Amino acid sequence: SISSLIAELINIDKFQEKKSELDLLVKMDIEGAEYDVLESLVNSDLKISDLKTLTFLIEWHPSYFEDKDLIMSRKKLIKQNLTNKYSAKILDWH
């Protein structure tokens, strides 16, 4: 899961003493799966407050879904939740 991957990355031994200086960039281009993956991260118990910054660079794929209003609502909610929960920066990549 993405939460396990992020947890593993920030718990690598060489970063243990410098977490407050660590920037993490997650680039995502996963052809429509970004909605489910990011919702699973928001719903996880992952705690990452020790990071200096967490940035997501996401290529969104709303065209893969029939209900455009629903998928745009999901995207907006995902972005709000990631920002609120992790103080993450969300950058849309086109």
Protein backbone atom coordinates (compact mmCIF):
# COMPACT_ATOMS: atom_id res chain seq x y z
CA SER A 1 0.00 0.00 0.00
CA ILE A 2 1.09 3.58 -0.43
CA SER A 3 1.00 4.16 3.32
CA SER A 4 3.39 1.22 3.85
CA LEU A 5 5.71 2.51 1.15
CA ILE A 6 5.83 6.02 2.61
CA ALA A 7 6.34 4.65 6.13
CA GLU A 8 9.20 2.50 4.89
CA LEU A 9 10.83 5.41 3.08
CA ILE A 10 10.76 7.74 6.07
CA ASN A 11 11.96 5.04 8.45
CA ILE A 12 15.14 4.18 6.55
CA ASP A 13 17.96 4.14 9.10
CA LYS A 14 19.98 6.94 7.51
CA PHE A 15 17.00 9.32 7.88
CA GLN A 16 16.10 8.49 11.49
CA GLU A 17 17.98 11.42 13.02
CA LYS A 18 17.12 13.91 10.26
CA LYS A 19 13.40 13.39 9.70
CA SER A 20 12.63 17.03 10.40
CA GLU A 21 14.88 17.91 7.43
CA LEU A 22 13.46 15.31 5.05
CA ASP A 23 11.42 16.33 2.01
CA LEU A 24 9.37 13.64 0.31
CA LEU A 25 8.01 13.94 -3.23
CA VAL A 26 5.51 11.35 -4.46
CA LYS A 27 4.95 11.46 -8.22
CA MET A 28 1.88 9.60 -9.38
CA ASP A 29 0.74 8.63 -12.88
CA ILE A 30 -1.28 5.48 -12.34
CA GLU A 31 -4.02 5.77 -14.96
CA GLY A 32 -7.10 6.38 -12.84
CA ALA A 33 -6.04 4.38 -9.78
CA GLU A 34 -4.84 7.57 -8.07
CA TYR A 35 -8.29 8.16 -6.59
CA ASP A 36 -8.44 4.80 -4.77
CA VAL A 37 -4.76 4.86 -3.77
CA LEU A 38 -4.93 8.36 -2.29
CA GLU A 39 -8.22 7.67 -0.54
CA SER A 40 -6.59 4.62 1.07
CA LEU A 41 -3.74 6.85 2.26
CA VAL A 42 -6.16 9.38 3.74
CA ASN A 43 -7.98 6.55 5.54
CA SER A 44 -4.79 4.94 6.84
CA ASP A 45 -3.24 5.33 10.29
CA LEU A 46 0.03 6.62 8.83
CA LYS A 47 1.64 9.37 10.90
CA ILE A 48 4.24 11.45 9.10
CA SER A 49 4.36 14.70 11.02
CA ASP A 50 8.17 14.50 11.32
CA LEU A 51 8.75 15.30 7.64
CA LYS A 52 9.80 18.77 6.57
CA THR A 53 7.55 18.61 3.51
CA LEU A 54 5.39 16.08 1.74
CA THR A 55 4.51 16.90 -1.84
CA PHE A 56 2.36 14.94 -4.26
CA LEU A 57 2.74 15.48 -8.00
CA ILE A 58 -0.34 13.79 -9.44
CA GLU A 59 -1.55 13.20 -12.96
CA TRP A 60 -5.30 12.86 -12.53
CA HIS A 61 -7.29 10.79 -15.04
CA PRO A 62 -10.96 11.83 -14.76
CA SER A 63 -11.62 10.75 -18.35
CA TYR A 64 -11.49 7.11 -17.21
CA PHE A 65 -14.78 7.61 -15.34
CA GLU A 66 -18.31 8.13 -16.62
CA ASP A 67 -19.61 10.37 -13.81
CA LYS A 68 -17.47 13.50 -14.20
CA ASP A 69 -19.15 15.37 -11.34
CA LEU A 70 -18.52 12.49 -8.94
CA ILE A 71 -14.88 12.09 -9.90
CA MET A 72 -14.23 15.83 -9.62
CA SER A 73 -15.83 15.78 -6.15
CA ARG A 74 -13.59 12.86 -5.16
CA LYS A 75 -10.52 14.72 -6.40
CA LYS A 76 -11.43 17.84 -4.44
CA LEU A 77 -12.06 15.85 -1.26
CA ILE A 78 -8.82 13.87 -1.64
CA LYS A 79 -6.82 17.07 -2.04
CA GLN A 80 -8.49 18.66 1.01
CA ASN A 81 -7.95 15.56 3.15
CA LEU A 82 -4.30 15.14 2.19
CA THR A 83 -3.65 18.79 2.91
CA ASN A 84 -5.47 18.67 6.26
CA LYS A 85 -4.09 15.34 7.48
CA TYR A 86 -0.49 15.65 6.32
CA SER A 87 -0.01 19.35 5.52
CA ALA A 88 0.86 18.02 2.09
CA LYS A 89 1.32 20.10 -1.03
CA ILE A 90 -0.71 18.78 -3.95
CA LEU A 91 0.47 19.68 -7.44
CA ASP A 92 -1.55 18.73 -10.48
CA TRP A 93 0.56 17.37 -13.29
CA HIS A 94 -0.80 17.45 -16.83
